[in-house]
Amino acid sequence: MAYVTVTDEAANLSDLTPQHQRVLDVCRAESAVTVGDVVVEVPYPLQVARILISDLIEKRALVHRLTVVVGEPPPTELLQKVQRALTNWDASDQPMADGESPRAC
């Protein structure tokens, strides 16, 4: 997972577009936010948000860091169950044998 943080250099940049400024505003809301959080908060498509973040990193207005998860990976059986559930997520809305809807969670 990648986190971004606003640097002191951001205050010295005067040539930012409104789109770049919007990304910075989202990043300033917390001490460090995930790239995913930024993408969700800005009104731009994923690829556009990623380019804006990259531009700001190049201008040294943002710094990024990766988080490494340490520990045991989940069991293969659990991953397979999740994969099957996601694959079947868009299954028809026909009732199941017991009358329940497949999306009744």
N, C-alpha and C. Protein backbone atom coordinates (compact mmCIF):
# COMPACT_ATOMS: atom_id res chain seq x y z
N MET A 1 0.85 -1.16 0.00
CA MET A 1 0.00 0.00 0.00
C MET A 1 0.90 1.23 0.00
N ALA A 2 0.59 2.18 -0.83
CA ALA A 2 1.40 3.40 -0.94
C ALA A 2 0.71 4.56 -0.25
N TYR A 3 1.48 5.29 0.52
CA TYR A 3 1.00 6.49 1.20
C TYR A 3 1.67 7.71 0.60
N VAL A 4 0.96 8.84 0.59
CA VAL A 4 1.55 10.10 0.15
C VAL A 4 1.38 11.14 1.24
N THR A 5 2.37 12.02 1.35
CA THR A 5 2.39 13.07 2.34
C THR A 5 2.82 14.37 1.67
N VAL A 6 2.17 15.45 2.04
CA VAL A 6 2.52 16.77 1.50
C VAL A 6 3.83 17.24 2.13
N THR A 7 4.71 17.81 1.32
CA THR A 7 5.98 18.33 1.82
C THR A 7 5.91 19.85 1.96
N ASP A 8 6.95 20.43 2.53
CA ASP A 8 7.04 21.89 2.64
C ASP A 8 7.20 22.55 1.27
N GLU A 9 7.73 21.80 0.30
CA GLU A 9 7.92 22.33 -1.05
C GLU A 9 6.60 22.71 -1.71
N ALA A 10 5.51 22.09 -1.30
CA ALA A 10 4.20 22.36 -1.92
C ALA A 10 3.81 23.82 -1.76
N ALA A 11 4.19 24.44 -0.66
CA ALA A 11 3.84 25.84 -0.42
C ALA A 11 4.57 26.78 -1.39
N ASN A 12 5.71 26.34 -1.93
CA ASN A 12 6.51 27.18 -2.82
C ASN A 12 6.12 27.08 -4.29
N LEU A 13 5.20 26.20 -4.61
CA LEU A 13 4.82 26.00 -6.01
C LEU A 13 3.65 26.92 -6.37
N SER A 14 3.86 27.72 -7.39
CA SER A 14 2.80 28.65 -7.81
C SER A 14 2.19 28.27 -9.15
N ASP A 15 2.77 27.30 -9.83
CA ASP A 15 2.32 26.95 -11.17
C ASP A 15 1.44 25.70 -11.20
N LEU A 16 0.74 25.43 -10.12
CA LEU A 16 -0.09 24.23 -10.06
C LEU A 16 -1.44 24.46 -10.73
N THR A 17 -1.90 23.44 -11.41
CA THR A 17 -3.24 23.51 -12.01
C THR A 17 -4.27 23.31 -10.90
N PRO A 18 -5.51 23.65 -11.17
CA PRO A 18 -6.56 23.38 -10.16
C PRO A 18 -6.67 21.90 -9.82
N GLN A 19 -6.39 21.03 -10.80
CA GLN A 19 -6.44 19.59 -10.55
C GLN A 19 -5.33 19.15 -9.59
N HIS A 20 -4.13 19.68 -9.79
CA HIS A 20 -3.03 19.38 -8.88
C HIS A 20 -3.35 19.92 -7.48
N GLN A 21 -3.91 21.10 -7.44
CA GLN A 21 -4.25 21.71 -6.15
C GLN A 21 -5.30 20.86 -5.41
N ARG A 22 -6.26 20.31 -6.14
CA ARG A 22 -7.29 19.46 -5.53
C ARG A 22 -6.66 18.24 -4.89
N VAL A 23 -5.70 17.62 -5.58
CA VAL A 23 -5.00 16.45 -5.03
C VAL A 23 -4.26 16.85 -3.77
N LEU A 24 -3.58 17.98 -3.79
CA LEU A 24 -2.87 18.44 -2.59
C LEU A 24 -3.83 18.69 -1.44
N ASP A 25 -4.98 19.27 -1.73
CA ASP A 25 -5.96 19.52 -0.67
C ASP A 25 -6.40 18.23 0.00
N VAL A 26 -6.62 17.21 -0.80
CA VAL A 26 -7.01 15.91 -0.24
C VAL A 26 -5.88 15.36 0.62
N CYS A 27 -4.64 15.51 0.16
CA CYS A 27 -3.50 14.98 0.90
C CYS A 27 -3.25 15.76 2.19
N ARG A 28 -3.61 17.02 2.22
CA ARG A 28 -3.41 17.83 3.43
C ARG A 28 -4.41 17.48 4.53
N ALA A 29 -5.49 16.83 4.18
CA ALA A 29 -6.53 16.53 5.15
C ALA A 29 -6.03 15.61 6.27
N GLU A 30 -5.05 14.79 5.98
CA GLU A 30 -4.48 13.86 6.95
C GLU A 30 -2.96 13.99 6.90
N SER A 31 -2.29 13.44 7.88
CA SER A 31 -0.83 13.51 7.86
C SER A 31 -0.26 12.64 6.74
N ALA A 32 -0.91 11.53 6.46
CA ALA A 32 -0.53 10.67 5.34
C ALA A 32 -1.79 9.95 4.88
N VAL A 33 -2.01 9.92 3.58
CA VAL A 33 -3.17 9.24 3.03
C VAL A 33 -2.72 8.23 2.00
N THR A 34 -3.52 7.22 1.81
CA THR A 34 -3.18 6.24 0.78
C THR A 34 -3.50 6.81 -0.59
N VAL A 35 -2.81 6.29 -1.57
CA VAL A 35 -3.08 6.70 -2.95
C VAL A 35 -4.54 6.35 -3.28
N GLY A 36 -5.02 5.24 -2.78
CA GLY A 36 -6.40 4.85 -3.01
C GLY A 36 -7.38 5.86 -2.44
N ASP A 37 -7.09 6.40 -1.25
CA ASP A 37 -7.95 7.41 -0.65
C ASP A 37 -8.00 8.67 -1.51
N VAL A 38 -6.85 9.05 -2.06
CA VAL A 38 -6.80 10.23 -2.92
C VAL A 38 -7.67 10.00 -4.15
N VAL A 39 -7.52 8.83 -4.76
CA VAL A 39 -8.28 8.52 -5.97
C VAL A 39 -9.78 8.56 -5.70
N VAL A 40 -10.20 8.09 -4.54
CA VAL A 40 -11.62 8.10 -4.19
C VAL A 40 -12.12 9.52 -3.97
N GLU A 41 -11.30 10.38 -3.41
CA GLU A 41 -11.74 11.73 -3.04
C GLU A 41 -11.72 12.74 -4.18
N VAL A 42 -10.90 12.52 -5.18
CA VAL A 42 -10.84 13.49 -6.28
C VAL A 42 -11.84 13.09 -7.37
N PRO A 43 -12.38 14.07 -8.08
CA PRO A 43 -13.39 13.74 -9.09
C PRO A 43 -12.80 13.40 -10.46
N TYR A 44 -11.68 12.69 -10.47
CA TYR A 44 -11.01 12.37 -11.72
C TYR A 44 -10.90 10.86 -11.87
N PRO A 45 -10.82 10.37 -13.10
CA PRO A 45 -10.61 8.94 -13.30
C PRO A 45 -9.29 8.48 -12.68
N LEU A 46 -9.21 7.20 -12.42
CA LEU A 46 -8.04 6.61 -11.76
C LEU A 46 -6.73 7.01 -12.43
N GLN A 47 -6.64 6.85 -13.73
CA GLN A 47 -5.38 7.15 -14.43
C GLN A 47 -5.01 8.62 -14.33
N VAL A 48 -6.00 9.50 -14.39
CA VAL A 48 -5.73 10.93 -14.26
C VAL A 48 -5.21 11.24 -12.86
N ALA A 49 -5.85 10.67 -11.86
CA ALA A 49 -5.40 10.89 -10.47
C ALA A 49 -3.98 10.39 -10.28
N ARG A 50 -3.66 9.24 -10.84
CA ARG A 50 -2.30 8.71 -10.71
C ARG A 50 -1.28 9.62 -11.38
N ILE A 51 -1.62 10.18 -12.52
CA ILE A 51 -0.71 11.10 -13.21
C ILE A 51 -0.52 12.37 -12.38
N LEU A 52 -1.60 12.90 -11.83
CA LEU A 52 -1.49 14.10 -10.99
C LEU A 52 -0.61 13.84 -9.77
N ILE A 53 -0.79 12.70 -9.14
CA ILE A 53 0.04 12.34 -7.98
C ILE A 53 1.50 12.22 -8.41
N SER A 54 1.74 11.58 -9.54
CA SER A 54 3.12 11.44 -10.05
C SER A 54 3.75 12.80 -10.33
N ASP A 55 2.97 13.69 -10.94
CA ASP A 55 3.48 15.04 -11.21
C ASP A 55 3.90 15.72 -9.91
N LEU A 56 3.06 15.60 -8.88
CA LEU A 56 3.36 16.26 -7.61
C LEU A 56 4.56 15.63 -6.91
N ILE A 57 4.75 14.33 -7.09
CA ILE A 57 5.94 13.68 -6.54
C ILE A 57 7.19 14.20 -7.26
N GLU A 58 7.11 14.34 -8.58
CA GLU A 58 8.25 14.87 -9.35
C GLU A 58 8.58 16.30 -8.95
N LYS A 59 7.56 17.08 -8.63
CA LYS A 59 7.78 18.48 -8.21
C LYS A 59 8.17 18.57 -6.72
N ARG A 60 8.25 17.42 -6.08
CA ARG A 60 8.60 17.32 -4.66
C ARG A 60 7.56 17.96 -3.74
N ALA A 61 6.33 18.07 -4.23
CA ALA A 61 5.24 18.57 -3.39
C ALA A 61 4.66 17.43 -2.55
N LEU A 62 4.84 16.21 -3.03
CA LEU A 62 4.41 15.01 -2.30
C LEU A 62 5.59 14.05 -2.20
N VAL A 63 5.60 13.29 -1.14
CA VAL A 63 6.51 12.14 -1.04
C VAL A 63 5.65 10.92 -0.85
N HIS A 64 6.14 9.81 -1.33
CA HIS A 64 5.38 8.57 -1.17
C HIS A 64 6.25 7.52 -0.50
N ARG A 65 5.56 6.61 0.14
CA ARG A 65 6.27 5.49 0.77
C ARG A 65 5.37 4.27 0.68
N LEU A 66 5.98 3.14 0.60
CA LEU A 66 5.25 1.88 0.53
C LEU A 66 5.22 1.24 1.89
N THR A 67 4.13 0.60 2.20
CA THR A 67 4.01 -0.14 3.46
C THR A 67 4.14 -1.62 3.14
N VAL A 68 4.98 -2.27 3.87
CA VAL A 68 5.17 -3.71 3.68
C VAL A 68 4.43 -4.43 4.80
N VAL A 69 3.59 -5.37 4.41
CA VAL A 69 2.85 -6.15 5.39
C VAL A 69 3.69 -7.37 5.75
N VAL A 70 3.94 -7.53 7.03
CA VAL A 70 4.75 -8.64 7.51
C VAL A 70 3.83 -9.63 8.20
N GLY A 71 4.02 -10.86 7.90
CA GLY A 71 3.20 -11.88 8.54
C GLY A 71 2.92 -13.01 7.58
N GLU A 72 2.14 -13.93 8.07
CA GLU A 72 1.79 -15.09 7.27
C GLU A 72 0.73 -14.71 6.23
N PRO A 73 0.88 -15.21 5.02
CA PRO A 73 -0.17 -14.98 4.03
C PRO A 73 -1.42 -15.75 4.41
N PRO A 74 -2.58 -15.31 3.94
CA PRO A 74 -3.80 -16.04 4.27
C PRO A 74 -3.75 -17.44 3.66
N PRO A 75 -4.48 -18.37 4.25
CA PRO A 75 -4.50 -19.73 3.71
C PRO A 75 -5.03 -19.74 2.27
N THR A 76 -4.50 -20.64 1.47
CA THR A 76 -4.91 -20.76 0.08
C THR A 76 -6.41 -21.01 -0.04
N GLU A 77 -6.96 -21.82 0.86
CA GLU A 77 -8.39 -22.12 0.82
C GLU A 77 -9.22 -20.84 0.97
N LEU A 78 -8.81 -19.96 1.85
CA LEU A 78 -9.54 -18.71 2.05
C LEU A 78 -9.48 -17.85 0.78
N LEU A 79 -8.32 -17.76 0.18
CA LEU A 79 -8.17 -16.98 -1.05
C LEU A 79 -9.03 -17.56 -2.17
N GLN A 80 -9.10 -18.87 -2.25
CA GLN A 80 -9.93 -19.50 -3.28
C GLN A 80 -11.40 -19.21 -3.04
N LYS A 81 -11.84 -19.23 -1.78
CA LYS A 81 -13.23 -18.91 -1.46
C LYS A 81 -13.56 -17.46 -1.83
N VAL A 82 -12.64 -16.56 -1.54
CA VAL A 82 -12.85 -15.15 -1.89
C VAL A 82 -12.92 -14.99 -3.40
N GLN A 83 -12.04 -15.67 -4.10
CA GLN A 83 -12.05 -15.60 -5.56
C GLN A 83 -13.36 -16.11 -6.13
N ARG A 84 -13.85 -17.24 -5.61
CA ARG A 84 -15.13 -17.78 -6.09
C ARG A 84 -16.26 -16.81 -5.79
N ALA A 85 -16.25 -16.22 -4.60
CA ALA A 85 -17.31 -15.27 -4.23
C ALA A 85 -17.31 -14.06 -5.15
N LEU A 86 -16.13 -13.54 -5.45
CA LEU A 86 -16.05 -12.39 -6.35
C LEU A 86 -16.46 -12.75 -7.77
N THR A 87 -16.11 -13.95 -8.20
CA THR A 87 -16.48 -14.39 -9.54
C THR A 87 -18.00 -14.52 -9.65
N ASN A 88 -18.62 -14.98 -8.58
CA ASN A 88 -20.07 -15.20 -8.60
C ASN A 88 -20.86 -13.98 -8.15
N TRP A 89 -20.20 -12.89 -7.84
CA TRP A 89 -20.85 -11.69 -7.31
C TRP A 89 -21.98 -11.20 -8.21
N ASP A 90 -21.76 -11.27 -9.52
CA ASP A 90 -22.76 -10.80 -10.46
C ASP A 90 -23.70 -11.91 -10.91
N ALA A 91 -23.83 -12.95 -10.10
CA ALA A 91 -24.74 -14.04 -10.45
C ALA A 91 -26.16 -13.50 -10.53
N SER A 92 -26.99 -14.25 -11.19
CA SER A 92 -28.38 -13.80 -11.35
C SER A 92 -29.02 -13.64 -9.98
N ASP A 93 -30.06 -12.85 -9.92
CA ASP A 93 -30.75 -12.59 -8.67
C ASP A 93 -31.84 -13.62 -8.40
N GLN A 94 -31.72 -14.77 -9.01
CA GLN A 94 -32.72 -15.80 -8.76
C GLN A 94 -32.57 -16.29 -7.33
N PRO A 95 -33.71 -16.58 -6.67
CA PRO A 95 -33.64 -17.06 -5.28
C PRO A 95 -32.87 -18.37 -5.19
N MET A 96 -32.22 -18.55 -4.07
CA MET A 96 -31.50 -19.79 -3.81
C MET A 96 -32.50 -20.86 -3.38
N ALA A 97 -32.04 -22.07 -3.18
CA ALA A 97 -32.91 -23.18 -2.83
C ALA A 97 -33.74 -22.90 -1.58
N ASP A 98 -33.17 -22.21 -0.62
CA ASP A 98 -33.89 -21.94 0.63
C ASP A 98 -34.74 -20.66 0.55
N GLY A 99 -34.86 -20.07 -0.64
CA GLY A 99 -35.68 -18.89 -0.83
C GLY A 99 -34.94 -17.59 -0.60
N GLU A 100 -33.72 -17.65 -0.09
CA GLU A 100 -32.92 -16.45 0.16
C GLU A 100 -32.37 -15.90 -1.15
N SER A 101 -32.14 -14.61 -1.18
CA SER A 101 -31.48 -13.98 -2.33
C SER A 101 -29.98 -14.22 -2.18
N PRO A 102 -29.26 -14.43 -3.28
CA PRO A 102 -27.82 -14.66 -3.16
C PRO A 102 -27.07 -13.44 -2.64
N ARG A 103 -27.69 -12.26 -2.65
CA ARG A 103 -27.04 -11.05 -2.17
C ARG A 103 -27.63 -10.56 -0.85
N ALA A 104 -28.20 -11.44 -0.09
CA ALA A 104 -28.85 -11.04 1.15
C ALA A 104 -27.85 -10.99 2.30
N CYS A 105 -26.95 -10.01 2.25
CA CYS A 105 -25.99 -9.89 3.32
C CYS A 105 -26.10 -8.54 3.98
